[in-house]
C-alpha atoms as a PDB file:
ATOM      1  CA  MET A   1      26.977  28.348  21.675  1.00  0.00           C
ATOM      2  CA  LYS A   2      25.538  25.534  19.595  1.00  0.00           C
ATOM      3  CA  HIS A   3      22.029  24.427  18.737  1.00  0.00           C
ATOM      4  CA  ILE A   4      21.721  20.645  18.608  1.00  0.00           C
ATOM      5  CA  LYS A   5      18.767  19.207  16.693  1.00  0.00           C
ATOM      6  CA  ALA A   6      18.474  15.459  17.214  1.00  0.00           C
ATOM      7  CA  ILE A   7      15.951  13.435  15.199  1.00  0.00           C
ATOM      8  CA  ILE A   8      15.291  10.157  17.002  1.00  0.00           C
ATOM      9  CA  LYS A   9      12.812   7.295  17.164  1.00  0.00           C
ATOM     10  CA  PRO A  10       9.882   7.925  19.528  1.00  0.00           C
ATOM     11  CA  GLU A  11      10.784   4.918  21.665  1.00  0.00           C
ATOM     12  CA  ALA A  12      14.194   6.472  22.431  1.00  0.00           C
ATOM     13  CA  LEU A  13      12.737   9.694  23.850  1.00  0.00           C
ATOM     14  CA  ASP A  14      12.556   8.660  27.517  1.00  0.00           C
ATOM     15  CA  ARG A  15      16.140   7.319  27.487  1.00  0.00           C
ATOM     16  CA  VAL A  16      17.490  10.461  25.815  1.00  0.00           C
ATOM     17  CA  LYS A  17      15.549  12.805  28.135  1.00  0.00           C
ATOM     18  CA  ASN A  18      16.755  10.954  31.229  1.00  0.00           C
ATOM     19  CA  GLU A  19      20.379  10.958  30.112  1.00  0.00           C
ATOM     20  CA  LEU A  20      20.252  14.661  29.208  1.00  0.00           C
ATOM     21  CA  LYS A  21      18.854  15.382  32.670  1.00  0.00           C
ATOM     22  CA  LYS A  22      21.728  13.407  34.249  1.00  0.00           C
ATOM     23  CA  ALA A  23      24.143  15.421  32.070  1.00  0.00           C
ATOM     24  CA  LYS A  24      22.736  18.634  33.619  1.00  0.00           C
ATOM     25  CA  VAL A  25      21.072  19.859  30.410  1.00  0.00           C
ATOM     26  CA  SER A  26      18.337  22.068  31.798  1.00  0.00           C
ATOM     27  CA  GLY A  27      16.413  23.128  28.700  1.00  0.00           C
ATOM     28  CA  ILE A  28      15.157  20.943  25.886  1.00  0.00           C
ATOM     29  CA  MET A  29      12.390  21.309  23.331  1.00  0.00           C
ATOM     30  CA  VAL A  30      10.615  18.223  21.996  1.00  0.00           C
ATOM     31  CA  THR A  31       8.469  18.097  18.866  1.00  0.00           C
ATOM     32  CA  GLU A  32       6.613  15.171  17.309  1.00  0.00           C
ATOM     33  CA  ILE A  33       7.398  15.063  13.594  1.00  0.00           C
ATOM     34  CA  GLU A  34       7.146  12.707  10.618  1.00  0.00           C
ATOM     35  CA  GLY A  35       9.956  11.977   8.242  1.00  0.00           C
ATOM     36  CA  ARG A  36      11.847   9.560   6.073  1.00  0.00           C
ATOM     37  CA  GLY A  37      15.533   8.848   5.673  1.00  0.00           C
ATOM     38  CA  GLN A  38      17.576   6.016   4.231  1.00  0.00           C
ATOM     39  CA  GLN A  39      15.219   3.426   5.656  1.00  0.00           C
ATOM     40  CA  GLY A  40      12.446   4.705   3.383  1.00  0.00           C
ATOM     41  CA  GLY A  41       8.965   3.831   4.477  1.00  0.00           C
ATOM     42  CA  ILE A  42       7.436   0.647   5.770  1.00  0.00           C
ATOM     43  CA  GLN A  43       4.901  -1.631   4.148  1.00  0.00           C
ATOM     44  CA  GLN A  44       1.915  -2.773   6.172  1.00  0.00           C
ATOM     45  CA  VAL A  45      -1.127  -4.897   5.529  1.00  0.00           C
ATOM     46  CA  TRP A  46      -4.583  -3.901   6.725  1.00  0.00           C
ATOM     47  CA  ARG A  47      -7.625  -6.061   5.902  1.00  0.00           C
ATOM     48  CA  GLY A  48      -5.640  -7.843   3.245  1.00  0.00           C
ATOM     49  CA  GLU A  49      -4.564  -4.670   1.458  1.00  0.00           C
ATOM     50  CA  LYS A  50      -0.928  -3.632   1.341  1.00  0.00           C
ATOM     51  CA  PHE A  51      -0.074   0.008   1.824  1.00  0.00           C
ATOM     52  CA  GLU A  52       3.130   1.913   2.383  1.00  0.00           C
ATOM     53  CA  LEU A  53       3.805   4.457   5.086  1.00  0.00           C
ATOM     54  CA  ASP A  54       6.478   6.682   3.608  1.00  0.00           C
ATOM     55  CA  LEU A  55       6.597   9.203   6.473  1.00  0.00           C
ATOM     56  CA  LEU A  56       7.310   7.622   9.836  1.00  0.00           C
ATOM     57  CA  PRO A  57       6.821   9.126  13.305  1.00  0.00           C
ATOM     58  CA  LYS A  58       9.989  10.684  14.723  1.00  0.00           C
ATOM     59  CA  ILE A  59      10.885  12.999  17.598  1.00  0.00           C
ATOM     60  CA  SER A  60      12.869  16.193  17.195  1.00  0.00           C
ATOM     61  CA  ILE A  61      14.844  17.296  20.263  1.00  0.00           C
ATOM     62  CA  ASP A  62      16.345  20.788  20.301  1.00  0.00           C
ATOM     63  CA  VAL A  63      19.000  21.781  22.830  1.00  0.00           C
ATOM     64  CA  VAL A  64      21.243  24.840  23.046  1.00  0.00           C
ATOM     65  CA  VAL A  65      24.575  24.230  24.791  1.00  0.00           C
ATOM     66  CA  LYS A  66      27.819  26.025  25.499  1.00  0.00           C
ATOM     67  CA  ASP A  67      30.573  25.315  22.970  1.00  0.00           C
ATOM     68  CA  SER A  68      32.606  23.610  25.697  1.00  0.00           C
ATOM     69  CA  ASP A  69      29.747  21.145  26.374  1.00  0.00           C
ATOM     70  CA  LEU A  70      29.013  20.233  22.739  1.00  0.00           C
ATOM     71  CA  ASP A  71      30.998  17.005  22.369  1.00  0.00           C
ATOM     72  CA  ARG A  72      29.906  15.686  25.766  1.00  0.00           C
ATOM     73  CA  ILE A  73      26.212  16.294  25.028  1.00  0.00           C
ATOM     74  CA  LEU A  74      26.495  14.788  21.537  1.00  0.00           C
ATOM     75  CA  LYS A  75      27.939  11.613  23.095  1.00  0.00           C
ATOM     76  CA  VAL A  76      25.059  11.508  25.597  1.00  0.00           C
ATOM     77  CA  ILE A  77      22.458  11.754  22.830  1.00  0.00           C
ATOM     78  CA  ILE A  78      24.169   9.218  20.580  1.00  0.00           C
ATOM     79  CA  SER A  79      24.710   6.635  23.319  1.00  0.00           C
ATOM     80  CA  SER A  80      21.150   6.899  24.623  1.00  0.00           C
ATOM     81  CA  ALA A  81      19.408   6.908  21.204  1.00  0.00           C
ATOM     82  CA  ARG A  82      21.483   4.206  19.484  1.00  0.00           C
ATOM     83  CA  THR A  83      20.424   0.574  19.491  1.00  0.00           C
ATOM     84  CA  GLY A  84      22.773  -0.432  16.693  1.00  0.00           C
ATOM     85  CA  SER A  85      20.195  -2.736  15.184  1.00  0.00           C
ATOM     86  CA  ASP A  86      17.957  -0.573  13.041  1.00  0.00           C
ATOM     87  CA  LYS A  87      18.124   1.842  10.186  1.00  0.00           C
ATOM     88  CA  GLY A  88      16.221   4.993  10.930  1.00  0.00           C
ATOM     89  CA  GLU A  89      17.648   5.639  14.391  1.00  0.00           C
ATOM     90  CA  GLY A  90      18.058   9.266  13.462  1.00  0.00           C
ATOM     91  CA  LYS A  91      20.445  12.096  12.779  1.00  0.00           C
ATOM     92  CA  ILE A  92      21.938  14.998  14.687  1.00  0.00           C
ATOM     93  CA  PHE A  93      22.460  18.467  13.242  1.00  0.00           C
ATOM     94  CA  VAL A  94      24.603  21.139  14.924  1.00  0.00           C
ATOM     95  CA  TYR A  95      24.144  24.851  14.238  1.00  0.00           C
ATOM     96  CA  ASP A  96      25.897  27.983  15.475  1.00  0.00           C
ATOM     97  CA  VAL A  97      23.856  30.214  17.779  1.00  0.00           C
ATOM     98  CA  GLU A  98      24.605  33.917  17.492  1.00  0.00           C
ATOM     99  CA  ARG A  99      22.818  35.179  20.557  1.00  0.00           C
ATOM    100  CA  VAL A 100      20.746  33.928  23.492  1.00  0.00           C
ATOM    101  CA  ILE A 101      18.725  36.149  25.828  1.00  0.00           C
ATOM    102  CA  ARG A 102      16.821  34.970  28.896  1.00  0.00           C
ATOM    103  CA  ILE A 103      13.576  36.947  28.754  1.00  0.00           C
ATOM    104  CA  ARG A 104      12.928  36.964  32.513  1.00  0.00           C
ATOM    105  CA  THR A 105      16.293  38.424  33.579  1.00  0.00           C
ATOM    106  CA  GLY A 106      17.777  39.881  30.408  1.00  0.00           C
ATOM    107  CA  GLU A 107      20.898  37.718  30.836  1.00  0.00           C
ATOM    108  CA  GLU A 108      22.740  37.035  27.616  1.00  0.00           C
ATOM    109  CA  GLY A 109      25.205  34.504  26.258  1.00  0.00           C
ATOM    110  CA  ASP A 110      26.362  31.501  28.292  1.00  0.00           C
ATOM    111  CA  ALA A 111      24.576  32.831  31.391  1.00  0.00           C
ATOM    112  CA  ALA A 112      21.264  32.558  29.546  1.00  0.00           C
ATOM    113  CA  VAL A 113      21.723  28.943  28.461  1.00  0.00           C
END
């Protein structure tokens, strides 16, 4: 099994959630985070004063999938989060998952995903 951590722009969340639901991904975890990548921060002006926001709002989506579903789910996330026009659209990290246990039933492995 694999743990997918996708860091995306907040405005992409609804698209990604909807496409994951269509792809039959039943469990996702969503966290509001702040971060900075290659795009750096942004400069804004408030009451004539310039200031820089170096940590921008992002969304972290965590999904655990079967190995056989990994590439398909990665494509779903990429296609629904990408606009192709901006830096800072995000990154995806993939980790190995050693063990999964469904607390309610005690099921383990793929059956628990």
